[in-house]
Amino acid sequence: MKKKKAKIDENVWQVIKLTSSVKSEFEPQRSYFNIFDRHGLMMGRMISGSKSLYREKYPDHEVYFNANIVIESAGKVWYGDIDLTLDTPKLQEVANVLGEPLYVLYEMDARFENENKPFEFYKNKARTIIKPK
């Protein structure tokens, strides 16, 4: 069963690599991709087909669609939809594995013209910070 999962992961990795290189300057690093994926946070994930319906269904949740996650040692390491109300335990596990804080940003704060900014730019833009325990 493990070999089958590895093949699925390889296929997913190839899709992510292809789509991210076309749409963005961001090139995901396989090690971070795997860490987030193992904790249920697939790169580029979408939690709902409709942002407005999701917000209507979960009005009290802290949700970031097309969020970016950066870390000081590597810059941008993840992007996708995050519901912090539900995903904070997963993000906490990732921060613990990496041994450094995760900085969660809005979509535009780490895309397009903002993809290659100094870390301090991202740190100041962070909507939330998940620190390792």
C-alpha atoms as a PDB file:
ATOM      1  CA  MET A   1       0.000   0.000   0.000  1.00  0.00           C
ATOM      2  CA  LYS A   2       2.844   2.423   0.746  1.00  0.00           C
ATOM      3  CA  LYS A   3       4.228   2.039  -2.781  1.00  0.00           C
ATOM      4  CA  LYS A   4       0.845   2.981  -4.239  1.00  0.00           C
ATOM      5  CA  LYS A   5       0.670   6.094  -2.038  1.00  0.00           C
ATOM      6  CA  ALA A   6       4.167   7.103  -3.131  1.00  0.00           C
ATOM      7  CA  LYS A   7       3.088   6.833  -6.779  1.00  0.00           C
ATOM      8  CA  ILE A   8       0.019   8.973  -6.093  1.00  0.00           C
ATOM      9  CA  ASP A   9       2.208  11.515  -4.320  1.00  0.00           C
ATOM     10  CA  GLU A  10       4.572  11.547  -7.327  1.00  0.00           C
ATOM     11  CA  ASN A  11       1.648  12.149  -9.709  1.00  0.00           C
ATOM     12  CA  VAL A  12       0.286  14.945  -7.541  1.00  0.00           C
ATOM     13  CA  TRP A  13       3.764  16.437  -7.266  1.00  0.00           C
ATOM     14  CA  GLN A  14       4.100  16.519 -11.053  1.00  0.00           C
ATOM     15  CA  VAL A  15       0.735  18.287 -11.442  1.00  0.00           C
ATOM     16  CA  ILE A  16       1.616  20.860  -8.778  1.00  0.00           C
ATOM     17  CA  LYS A  17       5.030  21.416 -10.313  1.00  0.00           C
ATOM     18  CA  LEU A  18       3.576  21.912 -13.797  1.00  0.00           C
ATOM     19  CA  THR A  19       0.726  24.202 -12.787  1.00  0.00           C
ATOM     20  CA  SER A  20       2.766  26.297 -10.378  1.00  0.00           C
ATOM     21  CA  SER A  21       5.550  26.885 -12.902  1.00  0.00           C
ATOM     22  CA  VAL A  22       3.046  28.134 -15.463  1.00  0.00           C
ATOM     23  CA  LYS A  23       1.027  30.465 -13.238  1.00  0.00           C
ATOM     24  CA  SER A  24       3.618  31.705 -10.803  1.00  0.00           C
ATOM     25  CA  GLU A  25       7.282  32.324 -10.144  1.00  0.00           C
ATOM     26  CA  PHE A  26       6.821  30.115  -7.061  1.00  0.00           C
ATOM     27  CA  GLU A  27       8.470  26.718  -7.428  1.00  0.00           C
ATOM     28  CA  PRO A  28       7.323  24.429  -4.608  1.00  0.00           C
ATOM     29  CA  GLN A  29      10.052  22.485  -2.861  1.00  0.00           C
ATOM     30  CA  ARG A  30       9.290  18.799  -2.594  1.00  0.00           C
ATOM     31  CA  SER A  31      10.298  18.506   1.075  1.00  0.00           C
ATOM     32  CA  TYR A  32       7.808  21.183   2.143  1.00  0.00           C
ATOM     33  CA  PHE A  33       5.163  19.831  -0.220  1.00  0.00           C
ATOM     34  CA  ASN A  34       5.466  16.421   1.476  1.00  0.00           C
ATOM     35  CA  ILE A  35       5.399  17.800   5.028  1.00  0.00           C
ATOM     36  CA  PHE A  36       2.228  19.805   4.430  1.00  0.00           C
ATOM     37  CA  ASP A  37       0.632  16.945   2.488  1.00  0.00           C
ATOM     38  CA  ARG A  38       1.335  14.444   5.300  1.00  0.00           C
ATOM     39  CA  HIS A  39      -0.577  16.741   7.638  1.00  0.00           C
ATOM     40  CA  GLY A  40      -3.639  16.987   5.409  1.00  0.00           C
ATOM     41  CA  LEU A  41      -2.745  20.283   3.733  1.00  0.00           C
ATOM     42  CA  MET A  42      -2.327  19.548   0.050  1.00  0.00           C
ATOM     43  CA  MET A  43      -0.575  22.268  -1.930  1.00  0.00           C
ATOM     44  CA  GLY A  44      -3.094  24.421  -3.788  1.00  0.00           C
ATOM     45  CA  ARG A  45      -6.072  22.914  -2.002  1.00  0.00           C
ATOM     46  CA  MET A  46      -9.531  24.361  -2.404  1.00  0.00           C
ATOM     47  CA  ILE A  47     -11.943  23.976   0.522  1.00  0.00           C
ATOM     48  CA  SER A  48     -15.026  25.130  -1.375  1.00  0.00           C
ATOM     49  CA  GLY A  49     -16.167  25.809  -4.898  1.00  0.00           C
ATOM     50  CA  SER A  50     -17.781  29.002  -3.630  1.00  0.00           C
ATOM     51  CA  LYS A  51     -16.124  31.422  -1.235  1.00  0.00           C
ATOM     52  CA  SER A  52     -19.379  33.190  -0.444  1.00  0.00           C
ATOM     53  CA  LEU A  53     -21.270  29.948   0.275  1.00  0.00           C
ATOM     54  CA  TYR A  54     -18.448  28.723   2.513  1.00  0.00           C
ATOM     55  CA  ARG A  55     -18.466  31.984   4.466  1.00  0.00           C
ATOM     56  CA  GLU A  56     -22.250  31.800   4.708  1.00  0.00           C
ATOM     57  CA  LYS A  57     -22.099  28.225   6.014  1.00  0.00           C
ATOM     58  CA  TYR A  58     -19.273  29.000   8.486  1.00  0.00           C
ATOM     59  CA  PRO A  59     -19.691  32.678   9.401  1.00  0.00           C
ATOM     60  CA  ASP A  60     -17.638  32.401  12.599  1.00  0.00           C
ATOM     61  CA  HIS A  61     -14.637  30.694  10.981  1.00  0.00           C
ATOM     62  CA  GLU A  62     -11.385  32.486  10.205  1.00  0.00           C
ATOM     63  CA  VAL A  63     -10.886  31.595   6.551  1.00  0.00           C
ATOM     64  CA  TYR A  64      -8.214  32.620   4.044  1.00  0.00           C
ATOM     65  CA  PHE A  65      -8.839  31.643   0.443  1.00  0.00           C
ATOM     66  CA  ASN A  66      -5.718  31.341  -1.705  1.00  0.00           C
ATOM     67  CA  ALA A  67      -3.562  31.942   1.355  1.00  0.00           C
ATOM     68  CA  ASN A  68       0.212  31.765   1.302  1.00  0.00           C
ATOM     69  CA  ILE A  69       2.472  30.415   4.006  1.00  0.00           C
ATOM     70  CA  VAL A  70       6.043  31.633   4.335  1.00  0.00           C
ATOM     71  CA  ILE A  71       8.835  30.698   6.707  1.00  0.00           C
ATOM     72  CA  GLU A  72      11.980  32.649   7.429  1.00  0.00           C
ATOM     73  CA  SER A  73      14.426  29.969   6.287  1.00  0.00           C
ATOM     74  CA  ALA A  74      12.838  29.284   2.887  1.00  0.00           C
ATOM     75  CA  GLY A  75      10.279  31.978   2.020  1.00  0.00           C
ATOM     76  CA  LYS A  76       7.010  30.809   0.473  1.00  0.00           C
ATOM     77  CA  VAL A  77       6.440  27.112   1.135  1.00  0.00           C
ATOM     78  CA  TRP A  78       2.688  26.591   0.647  1.00  0.00           C
ATOM     79  CA  TYR A  79      -0.441  28.074  -0.899  1.00  0.00           C
ATOM     80  CA  GLY A  80      -4.116  27.165  -0.856  1.00  0.00           C
ATOM     81  CA  ASP A  81      -7.315  27.659   1.120  1.00  0.00           C
ATOM     82  CA  ILE A  82      -7.089  27.593   4.911  1.00  0.00           C
ATOM     83  CA  ASP A  83      -9.842  27.545   7.489  1.00  0.00           C
ATOM     84  CA  LEU A  84      -7.855  28.403  10.600  1.00  0.00           C
ATOM     85  CA  THR A  85     -10.771  27.406  12.798  1.00  0.00           C
ATOM     86  CA  LEU A  86     -10.364  23.826  11.546  1.00  0.00           C
ATOM     87  CA  ASP A  87      -6.778  23.744  10.265  1.00  0.00           C
ATOM     88  CA  THR A  88      -4.809  25.285  13.134  1.00  0.00           C
ATOM     89  CA  PRO A  89      -3.982  21.868  14.681  1.00  0.00           C
ATOM     90  CA  LYS A  90      -2.586  20.692  11.317  1.00  0.00           C
ATOM     91  CA  LEU A  91      -0.607  23.907  10.897  1.00  0.00           C
ATOM     92  CA  GLN A  92       0.676  23.549  14.451  1.00  0.00           C
ATOM     93  CA  GLU A  93       1.970  20.074  13.621  1.00  0.00           C
ATOM     94  CA  VAL A  94       3.725  21.423  10.522  1.00  0.00           C
ATOM     95  CA  ALA A  95       5.307  24.268  12.514  1.00  0.00           C
ATOM     96  CA  ASN A  96       6.490  21.730  15.085  1.00  0.00           C
ATOM     97  CA  VAL A  97       8.048  19.538  12.381  1.00  0.00           C
ATOM     98  CA  LEU A  98       9.759  22.496  10.714  1.00  0.00           C
ATOM     99  CA  GLY A  99      10.814  24.005  14.025  1.00  0.00           C
ATOM    100  CA  GLU A 100       9.943  27.525  12.959  1.00  0.00           C
ATOM    101  CA  PRO A 101       6.890  29.778  12.759  1.00  0.00           C
ATOM    102  CA  LEU A 102       4.473  29.659   9.843  1.00  0.00           C
ATOM    103  CA  TYR A 103       3.373  33.080   8.598  1.00  0.00           C
ATOM    104  CA  VAL A 104      -0.072  32.985   6.984  1.00  0.00           C
ATOM    105  CA  LEU A 105      -0.677  35.711   4.412  1.00  0.00           C
ATOM    106  CA  TYR A 106      -3.445  36.850   2.114  1.00  0.00           C
ATOM    107  CA  GLU A 107      -3.179  35.752  -1.508  1.00  0.00           C
ATOM    108  CA  MET A 108      -1.818  38.999  -2.924  1.00  0.00           C
ATOM    109  CA  ASP A 109       0.753  39.478  -0.159  1.00  0.00           C
ATOM    110  CA  ALA A 110       2.982  36.702  -1.564  1.00  0.00           C
ATOM    111  CA  ARG A 111       2.026  36.456  -5.241  1.00  0.00           C
ATOM    112  CA  PHE A 112       2.896  38.189  -8.474  1.00  0.00           C
ATOM    113  CA  GLU A 113       4.995  41.279  -7.750  1.00  0.00           C
ATOM    114  CA  ASN A 114       5.252  40.289  -4.071  1.00  0.00           C
ATOM    115  CA  GLU A 115       6.783  36.827  -4.576  1.00  0.00           C
ATOM    116  CA  ASN A 116      10.403  37.814  -4.060  1.00  0.00           C
ATOM    117  CA  LYS A 117      10.209  40.320  -1.240  1.00  0.00           C
ATOM    118  CA  PRO A 118      12.505  40.281   1.805  1.00  0.00           C
ATOM    119  CA  PHE A 119      11.219  38.179   4.696  1.00  0.00           C
ATOM    120  CA  GLU A 120      10.436  41.262   6.802  1.00  0.00           C
ATOM    121  CA  PHE A 121       7.814  42.254   4.211  1.00  0.00           C
ATOM    122  CA  TYR A 122       5.993  38.936   4.746  1.00  0.00           C
ATOM    123  CA  LYS A 123       6.424  39.035   8.496  1.00  0.00           C
ATOM    124  CA  ASN A 124       4.724  42.436   8.603  1.00  0.00           C
ATOM    125  CA  LYS A 125       1.890  41.285   6.307  1.00  0.00           C
ATOM    126  CA  ALA A 126       1.125  38.061   8.224  1.00  0.00           C
ATOM    127  CA  ARG A 127      -2.533  37.645   9.180  1.00  0.00           C
ATOM    128  CA  THR A 128      -1.575  35.038  11.752  1.00  0.00           C
ATOM    129  CA  ILE A 129       1.573  33.299  12.960  1.00  0.00           C
ATOM    130  CA  ILE A 130       1.677  29.661  14.030  1.00  0.00           C
ATOM    131  CA  LYS A 131       4.666  29.187  16.321  1.00  0.00           C
ATOM    132  CA  PRO A 132       6.218  25.770  17.016  1.00  0.00           C
ATOM    133  CA  LYS A 133       5.781  24.319  20.487  1.00  0.00           C
END
